[in-house]
PDB file of N, CA and C in Angstrom:
ATOM      1  N   UNK A   1      -0.629  67.492  16.004  1.00  0.00           N
ATOM      2  CA  UNK A   1      -1.397  68.110  14.940  1.00  0.00           C
ATOM      3  C   UNK A   1      -2.222  69.288  15.471  1.00  0.00           C
ATOM      4  N   UNK A   2      -2.261  70.373  14.758  1.00  0.00           N
ATOM      5  CA  UNK A   2      -3.048  71.539  15.229  1.00  0.00           C
ATOM      6  C   UNK A   2      -4.536  71.261  15.091  1.00  0.00           C
ATOM      7  N   UNK A   3      -5.285  71.763  16.009  1.00  0.00           N
ATOM      8  CA  UNK A   3      -6.753  71.686  15.931  1.00  0.00           C
ATOM      9  C   UNK A   3      -7.231  72.694  14.939  1.00  0.00           C
ATOM     10  N   UNK A   4      -8.164  72.282  14.091  1.00  0.00           N
ATOM     11  CA  UNK A   4      -8.745  73.181  13.138  1.00  0.00           C
ATOM     12  C   UNK A   4      -9.846  73.993  13.831  1.00  0.00           C
ATOM     13  N   UNK A   5      -9.939  75.277  13.536  1.00  0.00           N
ATOM     14  CA  UNK A   5     -11.022  76.093  14.154  1.00  0.00           C
ATOM     15  C   UNK A   5     -12.402  75.591  13.626  1.00  0.00           C
ATOM     16  N   UNK A   6     -13.409  75.654  14.517  1.00  0.00           N
ATOM     17  CA  UNK A   6     -14.745  75.275  14.103  1.00  0.00           C
ATOM     18  C   UNK A   6     -15.287  76.341  13.196  1.00  0.00           C
ATOM     19  N   UNK A   7     -15.955  75.866  12.096  1.00  0.00           N
ATOM     20  CA  UNK A   7     -16.509  76.784  11.111  1.00  0.00           C
ATOM     21  C   UNK A   7     -18.032  76.756  11.211  1.00  0.00           C
ATOM     22  N   UNK A   8     -18.606  77.915  11.273  1.00  0.00           N
ATOM     23  CA  UNK A   8     -20.080  78.069  11.289  1.00  0.00           C
ATOM     24  C   UNK A   8     -20.547  77.919   9.867  1.00  0.00           C
ATOM     25  N   UNK A   9     -21.186  76.800   9.536  1.00  0.00           N
ATOM     26  CA  UNK A   9     -21.584  76.526   8.139  1.00  0.00           C
ATOM     27  C   UNK A   9     -22.617  77.502   7.643  1.00  0.00           C
ATOM     28  N   UNK A  10     -23.378  78.152   8.536  1.00  0.00           N
ATOM     29  CA  UNK A  10     -24.373  79.116   8.108  1.00  0.00           C
ATOM     30  C   UNK A  10     -23.771  80.368   7.507  1.00  0.00           C
ATOM     31  N   UNK A  11     -22.448  80.603   7.800  1.00  0.00           N
ATOM     32  CA  UNK A  11     -21.782  81.766   7.324  1.00  0.00           C
ATOM     33  C   UNK A  11     -21.189  81.579   5.886  1.00  0.00           C
ATOM     34  N   UNK A  12     -21.152  80.305   5.447  1.00  0.00           N
ATOM     35  CA  UNK A  12     -20.562  80.005   4.152  1.00  0.00           C
ATOM     36  C   UNK A  12     -21.673  79.956   3.096  1.00  0.00           C
ATOM     37  N   UNK A  13     -21.565  80.796   2.113  1.00  0.00           N
ATOM     38  CA  UNK A  13     -22.585  80.879   1.086  1.00  0.00           C
ATOM     39  C   UNK A  13     -22.324  79.885  -0.067  1.00  0.00           C
ATOM     40  N   UNK A  14     -21.068  79.558  -0.288  1.00  0.00           N
ATOM     41  CA  UNK A  14     -20.809  78.567  -1.326  1.00  0.00           C
ATOM     42  C   UNK A  14     -19.422  77.895  -1.061  1.00  0.00           C
ATOM     43  N   UNK A  15     -19.227  76.763  -1.686  1.00  0.00           N
ATOM     44  CA  UNK A  15     -18.017  76.026  -1.494  1.00  0.00           C
ATOM     45  C   UNK A  15     -17.174  76.128  -2.799  1.00  0.00           C
ATOM     46  N   UNK A  16     -15.878  76.192  -2.677  1.00  0.00           N
ATOM     47  CA  UNK A  16     -14.960  76.251  -3.834  1.00  0.00           C
ATOM     48  C   UNK A  16     -14.361  74.882  -4.022  1.00  0.00           C
ATOM     49  N   UNK A  17     -14.784  74.181  -5.079  1.00  0.00           N
ATOM     50  CA  UNK A  17     -14.234  72.856  -5.424  1.00  0.00           C
ATOM     51  C   UNK A  17     -13.262  72.904  -6.538  1.00  0.00           C
ATOM     52  N   UNK A  18     -12.787  74.114  -6.901  1.00  0.00           N
ATOM     53  CA  UNK A  18     -11.908  74.268  -8.069  1.00  0.00           C
ATOM     54  C   UNK A  18     -10.583  73.524  -7.919  1.00  0.00           C
ATOM     55  N   UNK A  19     -10.143  73.337  -6.647  1.00  0.00           N
ATOM     56  CA  UNK A  19      -8.877  72.661  -6.447  1.00  0.00           C
ATOM     57  C   UNK A  19      -9.044  71.239  -5.907  1.00  0.00           C
ATOM     58  N   UNK A  20     -10.262  70.727  -6.027  1.00  0.00           N
ATOM     59  CA  UNK A  20     -10.488  69.342  -5.534  1.00  0.00           C
ATOM     60  C   UNK A  20     -10.098  68.343  -6.609  1.00  0.00           C
ATOM     61  N   UNK A  21      -9.941  67.106  -6.207  1.00  0.00           N
ATOM     62  CA  UNK A  21      -9.550  66.061  -7.162  1.00  0.00           C
ATOM     63  C   UNK A  21     -10.451  64.853  -6.864  1.00  0.00           C
ATOM     64  N   UNK A  22     -10.599  64.010  -7.885  1.00  0.00           N
ATOM     65  CA  UNK A  22     -11.391  62.834  -7.779  1.00  0.00           C
ATOM     66  C   UNK A  22     -10.523  61.693  -7.282  1.00  0.00           C
ATOM     67  N   UNK A  23     -11.007  60.970  -6.271  1.00  0.00           N
ATOM     68  CA  UNK A  23     -10.279  59.914  -5.695  1.00  0.00           C
ATOM     69  C   UNK A  23     -10.096  58.788  -6.759  1.00  0.00           C
ATOM     70  N   UNK A  24      -8.915  58.185  -6.819  1.00  0.00           N
ATOM     71  CA  UNK A  24      -8.736  57.093  -7.772  1.00  0.00           C
ATOM     72  C   UNK A  24      -9.521  55.859  -7.372  1.00  0.00           C
ATOM     73  N   UNK A  25     -10.065  55.851  -6.194  1.00  0.00           N
ATOM     74  CA  UNK A  25     -10.892  54.681  -5.722  1.00  0.00           C
ATOM     75  C   UNK A  25     -12.371  54.948  -5.854  1.00  0.00           C
ATOM     76  N   UNK A  26     -12.784  56.141  -6.365  1.00  0.00           N
ATOM     77  CA  UNK A  26     -14.194  56.476  -6.396  1.00  0.00           C
ATOM     78  C   UNK A  26     -14.989  55.457  -7.218  1.00  0.00           C
ATOM     79  N   UNK A  27     -14.483  55.037  -8.343  1.00  0.00           N
ATOM     80  CA  UNK A  27     -15.212  54.093  -9.176  1.00  0.00           C
ATOM     81  C   UNK A  27     -15.439  52.742  -8.434  1.00  0.00           C
ATOM     82  N   UNK A  28     -14.368  52.302  -7.758  1.00  0.00           N
ATOM     83  CA  UNK A  28     -14.507  51.045  -6.998  1.00  0.00           C
ATOM     84  C   UNK A  28     -15.527  51.171  -5.893  1.00  0.00           C
ATOM     85  N   UNK A  29     -15.514  52.311  -5.174  1.00  0.00           N
ATOM     86  CA  UNK A  29     -16.453  52.491  -4.070  1.00  0.00           C
ATOM     87  C   UNK A  29     -17.900  52.545  -4.546  1.00  0.00           C
ATOM     88  N   UNK A  30     -18.120  53.167  -5.710  1.00  0.00           N
ATOM     89  CA  UNK A  30     -19.507  53.219  -6.280  1.00  0.00           C
ATOM     90  C   UNK A  30     -19.942  51.852  -6.702  1.00  0.00           C
ATOM     91  N   UNK A  31     -19.029  50.966  -7.119  1.00  0.00           N
ATOM     92  CA  UNK A  31     -19.455  49.655  -7.600  1.00  0.00           C
ATOM     93  C   UNK A  31     -19.748  48.697  -6.451  1.00  0.00           C
ATOM     94  N   UNK A  32     -19.546  49.140  -5.184  1.00  0.00           N
ATOM     95  CA  UNK A  32     -19.865  48.328  -4.073  1.00  0.00           C
ATOM     96  C   UNK A  32     -18.717  47.441  -3.599  1.00  0.00           C
ATOM     97  N   UNK A  33     -17.526  47.707  -4.075  1.00  0.00           N
ATOM     98  CA  UNK A  33     -16.349  46.974  -3.637  1.00  0.00           C
ATOM     99  C   UNK A  33     -15.986  47.329  -2.219  1.00  0.00           C
ATOM    100  N   UNK A  34     -15.679  46.380  -1.398  1.00  0.00           N
ATOM    101  CA  UNK A  34     -15.215  46.636  -0.033  1.00  0.00           C
ATOM    102  C   UNK A  34     -13.719  46.692  -0.066  1.00  0.00           C
ATOM    103  N   UNK A  35     -13.162  47.760   0.465  1.00  0.00           N
ATOM    104  CA  UNK A  35     -11.757  47.886   0.475  1.00  0.00           C
ATOM    105  C   UNK A  35     -11.269  47.830   1.917  1.00  0.00           C
ATOM    106  N   UNK A  36     -10.215  47.080   2.133  1.00  0.00           N
ATOM    107  CA  UNK A  36      -9.607  47.047   3.460  1.00  0.00           C
ATOM    108  C   UNK A  36      -8.102  47.290   3.345  1.00  0.00           C
ATOM    109  N   UNK A  37      -7.497  47.823   4.385  1.00  0.00           N
ATOM    110  CA  UNK A  37      -6.073  48.069   4.393  1.00  0.00           C
ATOM    111  C   UNK A  37      -5.381  46.869   5.053  1.00  0.00           C
ATOM    112  N   UNK A  38      -4.422  46.310   4.338  1.00  0.00           N
ATOM    113  CA  UNK A  38      -3.671  45.174   4.853  1.00  0.00           C
ATOM    114  C   UNK A  38      -2.364  45.708   5.421  1.00  0.00           C
ATOM    115  N   UNK A  39      -2.015  45.286   6.632  1.00  0.00           N
ATOM    116  CA  UNK A  39      -0.766  45.791   7.218  1.00  0.00           C
ATOM    117  C   UNK A  39       0.424  45.292   6.436  1.00  0.00           C
ATOM    118  N   UNK A  40       1.485  46.080   6.438  1.00  0.00           N
ATOM    119  CA  UNK A  40       2.674  45.726   5.642  1.00  0.00           C
ATOM    120  C   UNK A  40       3.245  44.345   5.964  1.00  0.00           C
ATOM    121  N   UNK A  41       3.115  43.880   7.215  1.00  0.00           N
ATOM    122  CA  UNK A  41       3.656  42.641   7.559  1.00  0.00           C
ATOM    123  C   UNK A  41       2.857  41.457   6.933  1.00  0.00           C
ATOM    124  N   UNK A  42       1.651  41.736   6.480  1.00  0.00           N
ATOM    125  CA  UNK A  42       0.831  40.696   5.848  1.00  0.00           C
ATOM    126  C   UNK A  42       0.894  40.731   4.343  1.00  0.00           C
ATOM    127  N   UNK A  43       1.472  41.773   3.781  1.00  0.00           N
ATOM    128  CA  UNK A  43       1.448  41.941   2.322  1.00  0.00           C
ATOM    129  C   UNK A  43       2.172  40.822   1.558  1.00  0.00           C
ATOM    130  N   UNK A  44       3.199  40.260   2.169  1.00  0.00           N
ATOM    131  CA  UNK A  44       3.899  39.140   1.514  1.00  0.00           C
ATOM    132  C   UNK A  44       3.018  37.901   1.443  1.00  0.00           C
ATOM    133  N   UNK A  45       2.244  37.673   2.496  1.00  0.00           N
ATOM    134  CA  UNK A  45       1.363  36.517   2.508  1.00  0.00           C
ATOM    135  C   UNK A  45       0.083  36.715   1.630  1.00  0.00           C
ATOM    136  N   UNK A  46      -0.355  37.938   1.482  1.00  0.00           N
ATOM    137  CA  UNK A  46      -1.554  38.249   0.710  1.00  0.00           C
ATOM    138  C   UNK A  46      -1.219  39.303  -0.334  1.00  0.00           C
ATOM    139  N   UNK A  47      -0.584  38.897  -1.421  1.00  0.00           N
ATOM    140  CA  UNK A  47      -0.175  39.928  -2.422  1.00  0.00           C
ATOM    141  C   UNK A  47      -1.336  40.463  -3.310  1.00  0.00           C
ATOM    142  N   UNK A  48      -2.500  39.778  -3.295  1.00  0.00           N
ATOM    143  CA  UNK A  48      -3.574  40.234  -4.145  1.00  0.00           C
ATOM    144  C   UNK A  48      -4.936  39.839  -3.536  1.00  0.00           C
ATOM    145  N   UNK A  49      -5.981  40.278  -4.130  1.00  0.00           N
ATOM    146  CA  UNK A  49      -7.322  40.058  -3.552  1.00  0.00           C
ATOM    147  C   UNK A  49      -7.698  38.551  -3.603  1.00  0.00           C
ATOM    148  N   UNK A  50      -7.234  37.838  -4.626  1.00  0.00           N
ATOM    149  CA  UNK A  50      -7.524  36.404  -4.711  1.00  0.00           C
ATOM    150  C   UNK A  50      -6.990  35.650  -3.493  1.00  0.00           C
ATOM    151  N   UNK A  51      -5.759  35.907  -3.074  1.00  0.00           N
ATOM    152  CA  UNK A  51      -5.154  35.239  -1.928  1.00  0.00           C
ATOM    153  C   UNK A  51      -5.924  35.577  -0.630  1.00  0.00           C
ATOM    154  N   UNK A  52      -6.353  36.828  -0.491  1.00  0.00           N
ATOM    155  CA  UNK A  52      -7.126  37.215   0.660  1.00  0.00           C
ATOM    156  C   UNK A  52      -8.482  36.458   0.688  1.00  0.00           C
ATOM    157  N   UNK A  53      -9.154  36.458  -0.437  1.00  0.00           N
ATOM    158  CA  UNK A  53     -10.453  35.761  -0.516  1.00  0.00           C
ATOM    159  C   UNK A  53     -10.329  34.260  -0.258  1.00  0.00           C
ATOM    160  N   UNK A  54      -9.294  33.635  -0.728  1.00  0.00           N
ATOM    161  CA  UNK A  54      -9.084  32.216  -0.463  1.00  0.00           C
ATOM    162  C   UNK A  54      -8.862  31.972   1.032  1.00  0.00           C
ATOM    163  N   UNK A  55      -8.067  32.794   1.684  1.00  0.00           N
ATOM    164  CA  UNK A  55      -7.823  32.657   3.128  1.00  0.00           C
ATOM    165  C   UNK A  55      -9.134  32.843   3.897  1.00  0.00           C
ATOM    166  N   UNK A  56      -9.885  33.844   3.550  1.00  0.00           N
ATOM    167  CA  UNK A  56     -11.144  34.116   4.258  1.00  0.00           C
ATOM    168  C   UNK A  56     -12.143  32.962   4.065  1.00  0.00           C
ATOM    169  N   UNK A  57     -12.192  32.463   2.815  1.00  0.00           N
ATOM    170  CA  UNK A  57     -13.137  31.312   2.551  1.00  0.00           C
ATOM    171  C   UNK A  57     -12.742  30.084   3.380  1.00  0.00           C
ATOM    172  N   UNK A  58     -11.460  29.876   3.498  1.00  0.00           N
ATOM    173  CA  UNK A  58     -11.022  28.654   4.275  1.00  0.00           C
ATOM    174  C   UNK A  58     -11.387  28.815   5.746  1.00  0.00           C
ATOM    175  N   UNK A  59     -11.286  30.058   6.265  1.00  0.00           N
ATOM    176  CA  UNK A  59     -11.665  30.282   7.665  1.00  0.00           C
ATOM    177  C   UNK A  59     -13.125  30.059   7.860  1.00  0.00           C
ATOM    178  N   UNK A  60     -13.936  30.515   6.912  1.00  0.00           N
ATOM    179  CA  UNK A  60     -15.414  30.290   6.992  1.00  0.00           C
ATOM    180  C   UNK A  60     -15.694  28.802   6.950  1.00  0.00           C
ATOM    181  N   UNK A  61     -15.111  28.081   6.057  1.00  0.00           N
ATOM    182  CA  UNK A  61     -15.325  26.637   5.892  1.00  0.00           C
ATOM    183  C   UNK A  61     -14.933  25.874   7.179  1.00  0.00           C
ATOM    184  N   UNK A  62     -13.866  26.294   7.845  1.00  0.00           N
ATOM    185  CA  UNK A  62     -13.393  25.658   9.058  1.00  0.00           C
ATOM    186  C   UNK A  62     -14.236  26.064  10.263  1.00  0.00           C
ATOM    187  N   UNK A  63     -15.134  27.011  10.094  1.00  0.00           N
ATOM    188  CA  UNK A  63     -15.971  27.462  11.203  1.00  0.00           C
ATOM    189  C   UNK A  63     -15.278  28.425  12.124  1.00  0.00           C
ATOM    190  N   UNK A  64     -14.149  28.940  11.723  1.00  0.00           N
ATOM    191  CA  UNK A  64     -13.428  29.896  12.600  1.00  0.00           C
ATOM    192  C   UNK A  64     -13.966  31.335  12.452  1.00  0.00           C
ATOM    193  N   UNK A  65     -14.795  31.545  11.391  1.00  0.00           N
ATOM    194  CA  UNK A  65     -15.425  32.799  11.183  1.00  0.00           C
ATOM    195  C   UNK A  65     -16.889  32.497  10.902  1.00  0.00           C
ATOM    196  N   UNK A  66     -17.791  33.361  11.446  1.00  0.00           N
ATOM    197  CA  UNK A  66     -19.203  33.189  11.154  1.00  0.00           C
ATOM    198  C   UNK A  66     -19.549  34.079  10.009  1.00  0.00           C
ATOM    199  N   UNK A  67     -20.383  33.525   9.120  1.00  0.00           N
ATOM    200  CA  UNK A  67     -20.826  34.297   7.967  1.00  0.00           C
ATOM    201  C   UNK A  67     -22.122  34.983   8.323  1.00  0.00           C
ATOM    202  N   UNK A  68     -22.159  36.270   8.028  1.00  0.00           N
ATOM    203  CA  UNK A  68     -23.402  37.043   8.270  1.00  0.00           C
ATOM    204  C   UNK A  68     -24.049  37.301   6.945  1.00  0.00           C
ATOM    205  N   UNK A  69     -25.317  37.094   6.868  1.00  0.00           N
ATOM    206  CA  UNK A  69     -26.056  37.360   5.639  1.00  0.00           C
ATOM    207  C   UNK A  69     -26.595  38.757   5.675  1.00  0.00           C
ATOM    208  N   UNK A  70     -26.517  39.447   4.561  1.00  0.00           N
ATOM    209  CA  UNK A  70     -27.003  40.771   4.467  1.00  0.00           C
ATOM    210  C   UNK A  70     -28.512  40.692   4.198  1.00  0.00           C
ATOM    211  N   UNK A  71     -29.240  41.683   4.779  1.00  0.00           N
ATOM    212  CA  UNK A  71     -30.671  41.741   4.497  1.00  0.00           C
ATOM    213  C   UNK A  71     -30.923  42.126   3.044  1.00  0.00           C
ATOM    214  N   UNK A  72     -31.827  41.486   2.416  1.00  0.00           N
ATOM    215  CA  UNK A  72     -32.141  41.710   0.975  1.00  0.00           C
ATOM    216  C   UNK A  72     -33.010  42.910   0.788  1.00  0.00           C
TER     217      UNK A  72
END
C-alpha cells in the first residue's frame, strides 16, 4: 500500500464533506453497543449475538474469564 503524504493541517482552511457517508453502524455506536468482529471460522458456532452472549456468560460462570466492573 502506498504511503499517504503528510498534510499540514494549518494549511487547510475547510474540509469538504460533500462526498461523505454516514456509517450504517453509527446509531449502534452512539447507543453504547460494543461491536466485535468474529472470525469466519467461528461464524457457524456463533450465528448471532445471543449465542455469543450465552457462551461468554458460561465462561464467566465457570471462572475461566474474570469479570471487570466499570467505574460508575
